[in-house]
Amino acid sequence: MSAVPGTVGAGRPRVLRPQQKYLPLFATGALLVLMYSAGVLRYEGFSDTQVVLNVFVDNAFLLVVAVGMTFVILTGGIDLSVGAVVALTTMISASLLQDQGWSPYLVLPLVLLIGALLGLGMGCIIHYFEVQPFIVTLAGMFLARGLCYTISTSSIPINDPLWTSIAQQRIRFGGFFISVSVLIALAVVAIGIYVLGYTRLGRNTYAIGGNPQSALLMGLPVARTRIAVYTISGFCSALGGVLLSFYMLSGNSGHAVGTELDAIAAVVIGGTLLTGGSGYLVGTVLGVVVLGLIQTIVTFQGDLSSWWTKIVIGVLLFAFIVL
């Protein structure tokens, strides 16, 4: 007897289930809805649209950094230097703008280039010297953070007219607003989604994360791809530093301490596997929003220490690693 389409065996209906690789993404979305619903029910004013928009305003720089981290983790690597590169970018920008009187049109491309070159250097060491990414990027973190303190041990304010005008600019619609940094962050996300989904670099990134030996045997450019993702991460870290300097209007060696852990947490909570080969940038965006909502709920509660944010993030991180 031939099987009827849509059935299995003797008339039993085929059960259509979502692919397993989408389950963490669905779980993140469900968690986000649950958190927001709980906030709306518990706190007055939580349902205001501006509350959600403020999550993006406050975390625009983290979103950009997390995009670069997603590329790295998809290859099975890790980048612990991103927070230090963010701080270094703010310090270089503030120093050149305030102390040296450089034009912002020169400072902006320079700091982005420095971030990309740092990522390029770490990628080359990781691949050609076969050193573990954890060790190389840890050294990069110490290097970048140390360079911050050689520039200045104190905070440097930024008073440049272009920087302050961008920092104070608000894009308003229907009584609500977002910052220029949010638009830049969303543009980076869109470009990242296109690169991962529709370009050769994106396909190679997934292939290397799935099985680097097989990717090499298939003739894929493993070296070029691995170096490229660390360069992208360095560039995104520098751009995140620029956005943070817009937000803080200062350079400080203590900026972005622990940001590398927040970025990793956002990527993992968003459903990307730490072993590489599986994950989506949309999930990373959801992960950043989850972290932002946790901070917002702690703020609305009022009587909780800010450390509860880290505690909840740690619990969620364990849960999603298990998932």
Protein backbone atom coordinates (compact mmCIF):
# COMPACT_ATOMS: atom_id res chain seq x y z
CA MET A 1 0.00 0.00 0.00
CA SER A 2 1.43 3.36 -0.95
CA ALA A 3 1.60 5.98 1.72
CA VAL A 4 -0.77 8.91 1.46
CA PRO A 5 1.02 12.27 1.24
CA GLY A 6 1.07 13.94 4.59
CA THR A 7 0.74 10.66 6.52
CA VAL A 8 3.16 8.19 8.03
CA GLY A 9 2.50 4.45 8.21
CA ALA A 10 -1.09 3.28 8.60
CA GLY A 11 -2.90 6.56 8.45
CA ARG A 12 -0.99 8.27 11.23
CA PRO A 13 -0.69 12.03 10.54
CA ARG A 14 2.80 13.41 10.07
CA VAL A 15 3.75 15.75 12.87
CA LEU A 16 5.38 18.87 11.50
CA ARG A 17 7.87 20.29 13.95
CA PRO A 18 10.05 23.39 13.68
CA GLN A 19 13.67 22.68 12.87
CA GLN A 20 15.76 22.24 15.97
CA LYS A 21 18.15 25.04 15.00
CA TYR A 22 15.30 27.57 15.33
CA LEU A 23 14.29 26.49 18.85
CA PRO A 24 16.71 28.82 20.72
CA LEU A 25 15.51 31.73 18.57
CA PHE A 26 11.89 30.93 19.38
CA ALA A 27 12.80 30.57 23.07
CA THR A 28 14.43 34.01 23.08
CA GLY A 29 11.36 35.55 21.44
CA ALA A 30 9.06 33.85 23.96
CA LEU A 31 11.25 35.04 26.85
CA LEU A 32 11.17 38.58 25.51
CA VAL A 33 7.37 38.57 25.26
CA LEU A 34 7.08 37.08 28.76
CA MET A 35 9.41 39.70 30.27
CA TYR A 36 7.66 42.60 28.58
CA SER A 37 4.21 41.31 29.56
CA ALA A 38 5.32 40.91 33.19
CA GLY A 39 6.70 44.45 33.17
CA VAL A 40 3.49 45.89 31.73
CA LEU A 41 1.37 44.10 34.34
CA ARG A 42 3.59 45.02 37.29
CA TYR A 43 4.83 48.55 36.60
CA GLU A 44 2.85 51.64 35.69
CA GLY A 45 4.16 53.33 32.56
CA PHE A 46 6.11 50.26 31.40
CA SER A 47 3.84 49.93 28.37
CA ASP A 48 4.95 53.34 27.07
CA THR A 49 6.51 52.87 23.64
CA GLN A 50 9.37 55.17 24.62
CA VAL A 51 10.43 52.63 27.26
CA VAL A 52 11.17 50.08 24.53
CA LEU A 53 12.83 52.69 22.32
CA ASN A 54 15.04 53.71 25.25
CA VAL A 55 16.34 50.13 25.39
CA PHE A 56 17.72 50.65 21.88
CA VAL A 57 18.97 54.17 22.68
CA ASP A 58 20.86 52.97 25.76
CA ASN A 59 22.26 49.83 24.12
CA ALA A 60 22.99 50.94 20.55
CA PHE A 61 26.74 50.59 21.05
CA LEU A 62 26.32 47.11 22.58
CA LEU A 63 24.21 46.02 19.62
CA VAL A 64 26.97 46.98 17.18
CA VAL A 65 29.61 45.19 19.26
CA ALA A 66 27.36 42.11 19.48
CA VAL A 67 27.04 42.02 15.68
CA GLY A 68 30.81 41.67 15.36
CA MET A 69 30.85 39.09 18.17
CA THR A 70 28.21 37.05 16.32
CA PHE A 71 30.50 36.73 13.28
CA VAL A 72 33.34 35.51 15.50
CA ILE A 73 31.27 33.02 17.50
CA LEU A 74 29.72 31.61 14.32
CA THR A 75 33.22 30.46 13.34
CA GLY A 76 33.66 28.82 16.75
CA GLY A 77 35.92 31.60 18.04
CA ILE A 78 35.68 34.22 20.76
CA ASP A 79 36.78 37.85 21.10
CA LEU A 80 37.50 39.10 24.60
CA SER A 81 39.06 42.36 23.40
CA VAL A 82 35.88 44.13 22.29
CA GLY A 83 35.22 46.06 25.52
CA ALA A 84 38.81 47.31 25.70
CA VAL A 85 38.72 48.34 22.02
CA VAL A 86 35.51 50.28 22.72
CA ALA A 87 37.26 52.13 25.57
CA LEU A 88 40.39 52.73 23.47
CA THR A 89 38.25 54.22 20.71
CA THR A 90 36.64 56.67 23.13
CA MET A 91 40.05 57.64 24.52
CA ILE A 92 41.67 58.18 21.12
CA SER A 93 38.66 60.13 19.87
CA ALA A 94 38.51 62.37 22.93
CA SER A 95 42.26 62.94 23.01
CA LEU A 96 42.57 63.85 19.34
CA LEU A 97 39.45 66.05 19.37
CA GLN A 98 40.14 67.89 22.62
CA ASP A 99 43.90 67.85 23.22
CA GLN A 100 45.19 67.79 19.64
CA GLY A 101 42.42 69.75 17.94
CA TRP A 102 41.98 67.28 15.08
CA SER A 103 39.03 67.50 12.72
CA PRO A 104 36.28 64.98 13.54
CA TYR A 105 36.25 64.03 9.84
CA LEU A 106 39.78 62.69 10.32
CA VAL A 107 39.27 61.21 13.78
CA LEU A 108 36.24 59.12 12.83
CA PRO A 109 37.84 57.09 9.99
CA LEU A 110 41.09 56.83 11.94
CA VAL A 111 39.57 55.17 15.01
CA LEU A 112 37.55 52.79 12.83
CA LEU A 113 40.74 51.86 10.97
CA ILE A 114 42.60 51.27 14.24
CA GLY A 115 39.85 48.94 15.46
CA ALA A 116 39.85 46.99 12.19
CA LEU A 117 43.66 46.68 12.23
CA LEU A 118 43.61 45.35 15.80
CA GLY A 119 41.07 42.73 14.74
CA LEU A 120 43.11 41.92 11.64
CA GLY A 121 46.25 41.41 13.71
CA MET A 122 44.53 39.10 16.19
CA GLY A 123 42.93 37.12 13.36
CA CYS A 124 46.32 36.59 11.70
CA ILE A 125 47.92 35.41 14.95
CA ILE A 126 45.00 33.06 15.66
CA HIS A 127 45.14 31.43 12.25
CA TYR A 128 48.78 31.40 11.20
CA PHE A 129 50.29 30.72 14.63
CA GLU A 130 47.44 28.38 15.62
CA VAL A 131 46.95 30.04 18.99
CA GLN A 132 43.61 29.70 20.78
CA PRO A 133 41.33 32.75 20.20
CA PHE A 134 40.76 33.01 23.96
CA ILE A 135 44.48 33.64 24.60
CA VAL A 136 45.05 35.98 21.66
CA THR A 137 42.02 38.17 22.31
CA LEU A 138 42.75 38.19 26.05
CA ALA A 139 46.17 39.61 25.19
CA GLY A 140 44.43 42.08 22.85
CA MET A 141 42.17 43.11 25.72
CA PHE A 142 45.15 43.84 27.99
CA LEU A 143 46.93 45.69 25.18
CA ALA A 144 43.96 47.93 24.31
CA ARG A 145 43.08 48.63 27.95
CA GLY A 146 46.72 49.42 28.73
CA LEU A 147 46.92 51.83 25.79
CA CYS A 148 43.91 53.64 27.25
CA TYR A 149 45.84 54.43 30.42
CA THR A 150 48.90 55.58 28.47
CA ILE A 151 46.70 58.24 26.85
CA SER A 152 45.22 59.45 30.13
CA THR A 153 44.32 58.10 33.55
CA SER A 154 41.38 60.49 33.85
CA SER A 155 38.24 61.13 31.85
CA ILE A 156 38.51 63.41 28.81
CA PRO A 157 35.34 65.38 27.93
CA ILE A 158 34.34 65.81 24.30
CA ASN A 159 33.10 69.27 23.31
CA ASP A 160 33.53 69.04 19.56
CA PRO A 161 30.50 70.65 17.82
CA LEU A 162 29.95 67.73 15.40
CA TRP A 163 30.19 65.13 18.17
CA THR A 164 27.83 67.03 20.48
CA SER A 165 25.33 67.75 17.69
CA ILE A 166 25.15 64.04 16.77
CA ALA A 167 24.88 63.12 20.45
CA GLN A 168 21.99 65.53 21.01
CA GLN A 169 20.18 64.84 17.73
CA ARG A 170 16.84 63.09 18.13
CA ILE A 171 14.77 61.54 15.35
CA ARG A 172 11.17 62.14 16.39
CA PHE A 173 8.01 60.45 15.16
CA GLY A 174 4.55 60.48 16.71
CA GLY A 175 5.73 61.90 20.03
CA PHE A 176 8.54 59.37 20.40
CA PHE A 177 12.23 59.59 19.56
CA ILE A 178 15.38 57.59 18.90
CA SER A 179 18.98 58.69 18.59
CA VAL A 180 21.24 58.72 15.55
CA SER A 181 23.18 55.89 17.18
CA VAL A 182 20.12 53.64 16.96
CA LEU A 183 19.86 54.23 13.21
CA ILE A 184 23.55 53.42 12.80
CA ALA A 185 23.18 50.26 14.89
CA LEU A 186 20.16 49.07 12.89
CA ALA A 187 22.03 49.75 9.65
CA VAL A 188 24.93 47.60 10.90
CA VAL A 189 22.48 44.82 11.78
CA ALA A 190 20.90 44.99 8.32
CA ILE A 191 24.29 44.83 6.61
CA GLY A 192 25.31 41.93 8.86
CA ILE A 193 22.13 39.99 8.04
CA TYR A 194 22.76 40.48 4.33
CA VAL A 195 26.41 39.42 4.57
CA LEU A 196 25.64 36.27 6.58
CA GLY A 197 22.63 35.28 4.52
CA TYR A 198 23.47 36.23 0.96
CA THR A 199 27.24 36.43 0.45
CA ARG A 200 30.08 33.96 0.09
CA LEU A 201 31.69 35.30 3.26
CA GLY A 202 28.54 34.47 5.21
CA ARG A 203 28.32 30.92 3.84
CA ASN A 204 31.99 30.36 4.57
CA THR A 205 31.53 31.66 8.12
CA TYR A 206 28.82 29.09 8.84
CA ALA A 207 30.82 26.32 7.14
CA ILE A 208 33.96 26.98 9.19
CA GLY A 209 31.95 27.08 12.40
CA GLY A 210 30.26 23.80 11.51
CA ASN A 211 33.49 21.92 10.77
CA PRO A 212 36.74 23.76 9.97
CA GLN A 213 38.51 20.61 8.76
CA SER A 214 35.74 19.79 6.31
CA ALA A 215 35.65 23.42 5.13
CA LEU A 216 39.40 23.24 4.44
CA LEU A 217 39.06 19.96 2.56
CA MET A 218 36.29 21.46 0.43
CA GLY A 219 38.65 24.21 -0.64
CA LEU A 220 36.98 27.04 1.26
CA PRO A 221 39.18 30.04 2.14
CA VAL A 222 39.44 29.25 5.86
CA ALA A 223 42.34 31.63 6.54
CA ARG A 224 40.79 34.57 4.73
CA THR A 225 37.39 34.02 6.36
CA ARG A 226 38.71 33.59 9.88
CA ILE A 227 40.84 36.73 9.61
CA ALA A 228 37.92 38.61 8.06
CA VAL A 229 35.54 37.88 10.97
CA TYR A 230 38.04 39.16 13.54
CA THR A 231 38.59 42.25 11.40
CA ILE A 232 34.82 42.76 11.31
CA SER A 233 34.68 42.34 15.09
CA GLY A 234 37.44 44.92 15.56
CA PHE A 235 35.67 47.35 13.24
CA CYS A 236 32.35 46.86 15.04
CA SER A 237 34.07 47.36 18.40
CA ALA A 238 35.56 50.65 17.20
CA LEU A 239 32.21 51.76 15.81
CA GLY A 240 30.59 50.77 19.10
CA GLY A 241 33.19 52.94 20.82
CA VAL A 242 32.23 55.88 18.61
CA LEU A 243 28.56 55.38 19.50
CA LEU A 244 29.44 55.15 23.19
CA SER A 245 31.40 58.40 22.90
CA PHE A 246 28.27 59.98 21.41
CA TYR A 247 26.27 58.65 24.37
CA MET A 248 28.77 59.64 27.10
CA LEU A 249 30.46 62.62 25.37
CA SER A 250 33.73 61.59 26.99
CA GLY A 251 36.63 59.23 26.71
CA ASN A 252 37.45 57.14 29.75
CA SER A 253 39.77 54.20 30.34
CA GLY A 254 37.06 52.62 32.48
CA HIS A 255 34.41 52.69 29.78
CA ALA A 256 32.90 49.38 28.63
CA VAL A 257 34.41 47.21 31.37
CA GLY A 258 32.66 43.84 31.01
CA THR A 259 31.12 44.72 27.65
CA GLU A 260 32.76 41.66 26.10
CA LEU A 261 30.77 39.47 28.50
CA ASP A 262 27.54 41.34 27.78
CA ALA A 263 28.12 40.90 24.04
CA ILE A 264 28.79 37.18 24.42
CA ALA A 265 25.71 36.82 26.63
CA ALA A 266 23.53 38.63 24.07
CA VAL A 267 24.79 36.41 21.26
CA VAL A 268 24.29 33.17 23.22
CA ILE A 269 20.87 34.19 24.58
CA GLY A 270 19.97 35.03 20.99
CA GLY A 271 20.48 31.40 20.03
CA THR A 272 23.97 31.30 18.51
CA LEU A 273 25.94 28.21 19.50
CA LEU A 274 29.26 28.85 21.24
CA THR A 275 30.71 25.97 19.23
CA GLY A 276 29.84 27.85 16.02
CA GLY A 277 28.01 26.99 12.83
CA SER A 278 24.49 27.92 13.94
CA GLY A 279 22.86 31.23 14.81
CA TYR A 280 21.21 34.35 13.45
CA LEU A 281 21.76 38.07 13.85
CA VAL A 282 18.05 38.53 14.49
CA GLY A 283 18.57 36.42 17.60
CA THR A 284 21.46 38.66 18.64
CA VAL A 285 19.17 41.69 18.40
CA LEU A 286 16.62 39.90 20.59
CA GLY A 287 19.40 39.01 23.02
CA VAL A 288 20.45 42.66 23.36
CA VAL A 289 16.82 43.67 23.91
CA VAL A 290 16.49 40.99 26.61
CA LEU A 291 19.52 42.41 28.42
CA GLY A 292 18.11 45.93 28.05
CA LEU A 293 14.71 44.88 29.40
CA ILE A 294 16.35 43.27 32.42
CA GLN A 295 18.06 46.59 33.20
CA THR A 296 14.79 48.44 32.67
CA ILE A 297 12.86 46.14 35.01
CA VAL A 298 15.51 46.54 37.70
CA THR A 299 15.27 50.33 37.28
CA PHE A 300 11.45 50.31 37.50
CA GLN A 301 11.58 48.12 40.61
CA GLY A 302 13.69 50.78 42.31
CA ASP A 303 14.73 48.84 45.41
CA LEU A 304 16.97 46.28 43.67
CA SER A 305 20.72 46.54 43.32
CA SER A 306 22.05 46.91 39.78
CA TRP A 307 23.93 43.65 40.38
CA TRP A 308 20.62 41.82 39.98
CA THR A 309 20.98 42.56 36.27
CA LYS A 310 24.16 40.44 36.19
CA ILE A 311 22.56 37.71 38.30
CA VAL A 312 19.57 37.35 35.98
CA ILE A 313 21.81 37.45 32.89
CA GLY A 314 23.94 34.66 34.41
CA VAL A 315 20.89 32.48 35.02
CA LEU A 316 19.60 33.06 31.50
CA LEU A 317 23.03 32.32 30.05
CA PHE A 318 23.16 28.95 31.82
CA ALA A 319 19.63 28.16 30.64
CA PHE A 320 20.34 28.95 27.00
CA ILE A 321 23.64 27.05 26.98
CA VAL A 322 21.75 24.00 28.23
CA LEU A 323 19.03 24.59 25.64
